[in-house]
Amino acid sequence: MQTKNIPADYGLRVGIRGGHGCGGAQLILGFDKQRDTDVDYSLEGISVYIDKKHMLYVVGKEVDFYEGADARGFVFVEPSKNT
């Protein structure tokens, strides 16, 4: 946040974009101000905002950092379940 000059009153937004047509919903990460419809969490001193309408799509997901020859960045993954 400091190297990208993100304002101090911003937090990490986790949510969805789209959801119409064949592509379905795409999970997103970004910095944003808190909105009235957000659930606010604190994770290691960083505010994390999730719109209440997006909770169904976000719950149970994990965020990981992928670095490979083809791409680099944060990705959403389904946690492995030991059965």
C-alpha atoms as a PDB file:
ATOM      1  CA  MET A   1       0.000   0.000   0.000  1.00  0.00           C
ATOM      2  CA  GLN A   2       2.855   2.367   0.799  1.00  0.00           C
ATOM      3  CA  THR A   3       4.760   1.839  -2.453  1.00  0.00           C
ATOM      4  CA  LYS A   4       1.592   2.375  -4.535  1.00  0.00           C
ATOM      5  CA  ASN A   5       0.542   5.511  -2.563  1.00  0.00           C
ATOM      6  CA  ILE A   6      -2.805   3.991  -1.538  1.00  0.00           C
ATOM      7  CA  PRO A   7      -4.603   6.425   0.827  1.00  0.00           C
ATOM      8  CA  ALA A   8      -4.614   5.433   4.507  1.00  0.00           C
ATOM      9  CA  ASP A   9      -8.429   5.259   4.628  1.00  0.00           C
ATOM     10  CA  TYR A  10      -8.536   2.566   1.923  1.00  0.00           C
ATOM     11  CA  GLY A  11      -8.669  -1.164   2.564  1.00  0.00           C
ATOM     12  CA  LEU A  12      -8.384  -4.328   0.510  1.00  0.00           C
ATOM     13  CA  ARG A  13     -11.611  -5.069  -1.371  1.00  0.00           C
ATOM     14  CA  VAL A  14     -12.445  -8.702  -2.135  1.00  0.00           C
ATOM     15  CA  GLY A  15     -15.441  -9.254  -4.368  1.00  0.00           C
ATOM     16  CA  ILE A  16     -16.842 -10.331  -7.689  1.00  0.00           C
ATOM     17  CA  ARG A  17     -17.261  -8.766 -11.092  1.00  0.00           C
ATOM     18  CA  GLY A  18     -19.616  -9.954 -13.794  1.00  0.00           C
ATOM     19  CA  GLY A  19     -21.729 -13.001 -13.235  1.00  0.00           C
ATOM     20  CA  HIS A  20     -23.764 -12.749 -16.415  1.00  0.00           C
ATOM     21  CA  GLY A  21     -23.452 -15.006 -19.425  1.00  0.00           C
ATOM     22  CA  CYS A  22     -21.123 -17.939 -19.965  1.00  0.00           C
ATOM     23  CA  GLY A  23     -18.135 -16.474 -18.144  1.00  0.00           C
ATOM     24  CA  GLY A  24     -19.746 -16.371 -14.722  1.00  0.00           C
ATOM     25  CA  ALA A  25     -18.463 -14.294 -11.850  1.00  0.00           C
ATOM     26  CA  GLN A  26     -14.799 -13.330 -11.617  1.00  0.00           C
ATOM     27  CA  LEU A  27     -13.260 -12.830  -8.167  1.00  0.00           C
ATOM     28  CA  ILE A  28     -11.352  -9.569  -7.769  1.00  0.00           C
ATOM     29  CA  LEU A  29      -8.883  -7.893  -5.396  1.00  0.00           C
ATOM     30  CA  GLY A  30      -8.187  -4.180  -5.188  1.00  0.00           C
ATOM     31  CA  PHE A  31      -7.922  -1.203  -2.862  1.00  0.00           C
ATOM     32  CA  ASP A  32     -11.059   0.824  -2.177  1.00  0.00           C
ATOM     33  CA  LYS A  33     -12.923   2.889   0.411  1.00  0.00           C
ATOM     34  CA  GLN A  34     -15.394   1.179   2.713  1.00  0.00           C
ATOM     35  CA  ARG A  35     -19.046   1.248   1.586  1.00  0.00           C
ATOM     36  CA  ASP A  36     -22.258   1.048   3.616  1.00  0.00           C
ATOM     37  CA  THR A  37     -22.990  -2.487   2.349  1.00  0.00           C
ATOM     38  CA  ASP A  38     -19.555  -3.887   3.304  1.00  0.00           C
ATOM     39  CA  VAL A  39     -18.594  -6.354   5.971  1.00  0.00           C
ATOM     40  CA  ASP A  40     -15.294  -5.128   7.449  1.00  0.00           C
ATOM     41  CA  TYR A  41     -12.578  -7.514   8.620  1.00  0.00           C
ATOM     42  CA  SER A  42      -9.119  -6.754   9.939  1.00  0.00           C
ATOM     43  CA  LEU A  43      -6.311  -9.036   8.815  1.00  0.00           C
ATOM     44  CA  GLU A  44      -2.819  -8.332  10.118  1.00  0.00           C
ATOM     45  CA  GLY A  45      -3.650  -4.633  10.507  1.00  0.00           C
ATOM     46  CA  ILE A  46      -5.221  -4.243   7.047  1.00  0.00           C
ATOM     47  CA  SER A  47      -8.938  -3.583   6.635  1.00  0.00           C
ATOM     48  CA  VAL A  48     -10.576  -6.072   4.264  1.00  0.00           C
ATOM     49  CA  TYR A  49     -13.941  -5.109   2.747  1.00  0.00           C
ATOM     50  CA  ILE A  50     -16.445  -7.546   1.260  1.00  0.00           C
ATOM     51  CA  ASP A  51     -19.857  -6.446   0.021  1.00  0.00           C
ATOM     52  CA  LYS A  52     -22.567  -8.469   1.754  1.00  0.00           C
ATOM     53  CA  LYS A  53     -23.960  -9.515  -1.657  1.00  0.00           C
ATOM     54  CA  HIS A  54     -20.594 -11.024  -2.612  1.00  0.00           C
ATOM     55  CA  MET A  55     -20.094 -13.118   0.537  1.00  0.00           C
ATOM     56  CA  LEU A  56     -21.634 -16.254  -1.010  1.00  0.00           C
ATOM     57  CA  TYR A  57     -18.985 -16.250  -3.757  1.00  0.00           C
ATOM     58  CA  VAL A  58     -16.023 -15.401  -1.502  1.00  0.00           C
ATOM     59  CA  VAL A  59     -16.577 -17.612   1.559  1.00  0.00           C
ATOM     60  CA  GLY A  60     -14.336 -20.689   1.501  1.00  0.00           C
ATOM     61  CA  LYS A  61     -11.833 -19.260  -0.992  1.00  0.00           C
ATOM     62  CA  GLU A  62      -8.150 -18.749  -0.285  1.00  0.00           C
ATOM     63  CA  VAL A  63      -5.863 -16.183  -1.869  1.00  0.00           C
ATOM     64  CA  ASP A  64      -2.428 -17.312  -2.998  1.00  0.00           C
ATOM     65  CA  PHE A  65       0.405 -15.708  -4.952  1.00  0.00           C
ATOM     66  CA  TYR A  66       1.255 -17.515  -8.178  1.00  0.00           C
ATOM     67  CA  GLU A  67       4.554 -16.983  -9.942  1.00  0.00           C
ATOM     68  CA  GLY A  68       5.271 -18.973 -13.061  1.00  0.00           C
ATOM     69  CA  ALA A  69       6.627 -18.627 -16.582  1.00  0.00           C
ATOM     70  CA  ASP A  70       3.137 -17.852 -17.921  1.00  0.00           C
ATOM     71  CA  ALA A  71       1.848 -15.407 -15.265  1.00  0.00           C
ATOM     72  CA  ARG A  72       2.441 -13.770 -11.903  1.00  0.00           C
ATOM     73  CA  GLY A  73      -0.034 -12.443  -9.374  1.00  0.00           C
ATOM     74  CA  PHE A  74      -2.688 -13.201  -6.795  1.00  0.00           C
ATOM     75  CA  VAL A  75      -5.121 -16.012  -7.511  1.00  0.00           C
ATOM     76  CA  PHE A  76      -8.174 -17.440  -5.747  1.00  0.00           C
ATOM     77  CA  VAL A  77      -8.017 -21.148  -4.982  1.00  0.00           C
ATOM     78  CA  GLU A  78     -10.317 -23.702  -3.418  1.00  0.00           C
ATOM     79  CA  PRO A  79      -8.661 -24.976  -0.240  1.00  0.00           C
ATOM     80  CA  SER A  80      -7.709 -28.626  -0.377  1.00  0.00           C
ATOM     81  CA  LYS A  81      -9.992 -30.809   1.697  1.00  0.00           C
ATOM     82  CA  ASN A  82      -8.670 -33.918   3.370  1.00  0.00           C
ATOM     83  CA  THR A  83     -11.385 -36.567   3.357  1.00  0.00           C
END
